Amino acid sequence: MAVPKRKMSRSNTRSRRANWKATAVSTQSCPQCSALKQPHLACPSCGSYAGRHYASAERTEHQG
């Protein structure tokens, strides 16, 4: 197993970690209620996906 011979400097470590950025979640508008939702998922406000209604996907006030 490879083991580094010398300590890696802070600048090298930070420049390597500069590419660890998280990407923003993409959203699109729901065709039924025009609320923002993630693509390929049921709408959390109305519960519709691909012309069907899924009651379990609707967001409620007290989940749990």
C-alpha atoms as a PDB file:
ATOM      1  CA  MET A   1       0.000   0.000   0.000  1.00  0.00           C
ATOM      2  CA  ALA A   2       1.390   3.414  -0.947  1.00  0.00           C
ATOM      3  CA  VAL A   3       2.272   5.726   1.928  1.00  0.00           C
ATOM      4  CA  PRO A   4       3.300   9.364   1.394  1.00  0.00           C
ATOM      5  CA  LYS A   5       6.921  10.152   2.272  1.00  0.00           C
ATOM      6  CA  ARG A   6       6.317  13.786   3.143  1.00  0.00           C
ATOM      7  CA  LYS A   7       3.496  15.786   4.673  1.00  0.00           C
ATOM      8  CA  MET A   8       1.267  17.408   2.050  1.00  0.00           C
ATOM      9  CA  SER A   9       1.196  21.192   2.361  1.00  0.00           C
ATOM     10  CA  ARG A  10      -1.977  23.095   3.212  1.00  0.00           C
ATOM     11  CA  SER A  11      -2.065  24.800  -0.170  1.00  0.00           C
ATOM     12  CA  ASN A  12      -1.820  21.504  -2.042  1.00  0.00           C
ATOM     13  CA  THR A  13      -4.468  19.918   0.176  1.00  0.00           C
ATOM     14  CA  ARG A  14      -6.850  22.857  -0.190  1.00  0.00           C
ATOM     15  CA  SER A  15      -6.367  23.133  -3.944  1.00  0.00           C
ATOM     16  CA  ARG A  16      -7.164  19.430  -4.283  1.00  0.00           C
ATOM     17  CA  ARG A  17     -10.269  19.778  -2.100  1.00  0.00           C
ATOM     18  CA  ALA A  18     -11.472  22.839  -4.041  1.00  0.00           C
ATOM     19  CA  ASN A  19     -13.270  20.486  -6.451  1.00  0.00           C
ATOM     20  CA  TRP A  20     -15.405  18.841  -3.753  1.00  0.00           C
ATOM     21  CA  LYS A  21     -18.254  21.312  -4.312  1.00  0.00           C
ATOM     22  CA  ALA A  22     -21.853  20.149  -4.017  1.00  0.00           C
ATOM     23  CA  THR A  23     -24.174  20.733  -6.964  1.00  0.00           C
ATOM     24  CA  ALA A  24     -27.521  22.477  -6.618  1.00  0.00           C
ATOM     25  CA  VAL A  25     -30.670  20.379  -6.882  1.00  0.00           C
ATOM     26  CA  SER A  26     -32.394  20.848 -10.237  1.00  0.00           C
ATOM     27  CA  THR A  27     -36.098  21.705 -10.201  1.00  0.00           C
ATOM     28  CA  GLN A  28     -38.872  22.015 -12.731  1.00  0.00           C
ATOM     29  CA  SER A  29     -42.470  23.173 -12.527  1.00  0.00           C
ATOM     30  CA  CYS A  30     -45.273  20.663 -11.997  1.00  0.00           C
ATOM     31  CA  PRO A  31     -47.637  20.430 -15.001  1.00  0.00           C
ATOM     32  CA  GLN A  32     -50.672  20.106 -12.685  1.00  0.00           C
ATOM     33  CA  CYS A  33     -50.157  22.754  -9.980  1.00  0.00           C
ATOM     34  CA  SER A  34     -47.105  24.687 -11.322  1.00  0.00           C
ATOM     35  CA  ALA A  35     -45.207  24.218  -8.040  1.00  0.00           C
ATOM     36  CA  LEU A  36     -41.481  23.493  -8.112  1.00  0.00           C
ATOM     37  CA  LYS A  37     -40.564  19.813  -7.949  1.00  0.00           C
ATOM     38  CA  GLN A  38     -37.577  17.597  -8.685  1.00  0.00           C
ATOM     39  CA  PRO A  39     -37.606  15.859 -12.073  1.00  0.00           C
ATOM     40  CA  HIS A  40     -38.618  12.164 -12.158  1.00  0.00           C
ATOM     41  CA  LEU A  41     -40.286  12.445  -8.722  1.00  0.00           C
ATOM     42  CA  ALA A  42     -43.893  12.980  -7.673  1.00  0.00           C
ATOM     43  CA  CYS A  43     -44.855  16.559  -6.841  1.00  0.00           C
ATOM     44  CA  PRO A  44     -44.727  17.136  -3.063  1.00  0.00           C
ATOM     45  CA  SER A  45     -47.580  19.667  -3.118  1.00  0.00           C
ATOM     46  CA  CYS A  46     -50.212  17.885  -5.246  1.00  0.00           C
ATOM     47  CA  GLY A  47     -48.842  14.313  -5.389  1.00  0.00           C
ATOM     48  CA  SER A  48     -49.113  13.888  -9.159  1.00  0.00           C
ATOM     49  CA  TYR A  49     -46.588  12.212 -11.441  1.00  0.00           C
ATOM     50  CA  ALA A  50     -47.017  11.225 -15.101  1.00  0.00           C
ATOM     51  CA  GLY A  51     -50.742  11.982 -15.027  1.00  0.00           C
ATOM     52  CA  ARG A  52     -51.397   9.869 -11.928  1.00  0.00           C
ATOM     53  CA  HIS A  53     -52.104  10.884  -8.329  1.00  0.00           C
ATOM     54  CA  TYR A  54     -50.015   9.466  -5.476  1.00  0.00           C
ATOM     55  CA  ALA A  55     -51.425  10.396  -2.070  1.00  0.00           C
ATOM     56  CA  SER A  56     -48.365   9.024  -0.264  1.00  0.00           C
ATOM     57  CA  ALA A  57     -46.131  11.553  -2.042  1.00  0.00           C
ATOM     58  CA  GLU A  58     -48.015  14.625  -0.793  1.00  0.00           C
ATOM     59  CA  ARG A  59     -46.266  16.693   1.851  1.00  0.00           C
ATOM     60  CA  THR A  60     -48.189  16.922   5.124  1.00  0.00           C
ATOM     61  CA  GLU A  61     -47.724  19.184   8.102  1.00  0.00           C
ATOM     62  CA  HIS A  62     -46.874  16.411  10.579  1.00  0.00           C
ATOM     63  CA  GLN A  63     -44.940  13.560   9.030  1.00  0.00           C
ATOM     64  CA  GLY A  64     -43.638  10.961  11.396  1.00  0.00           C
END
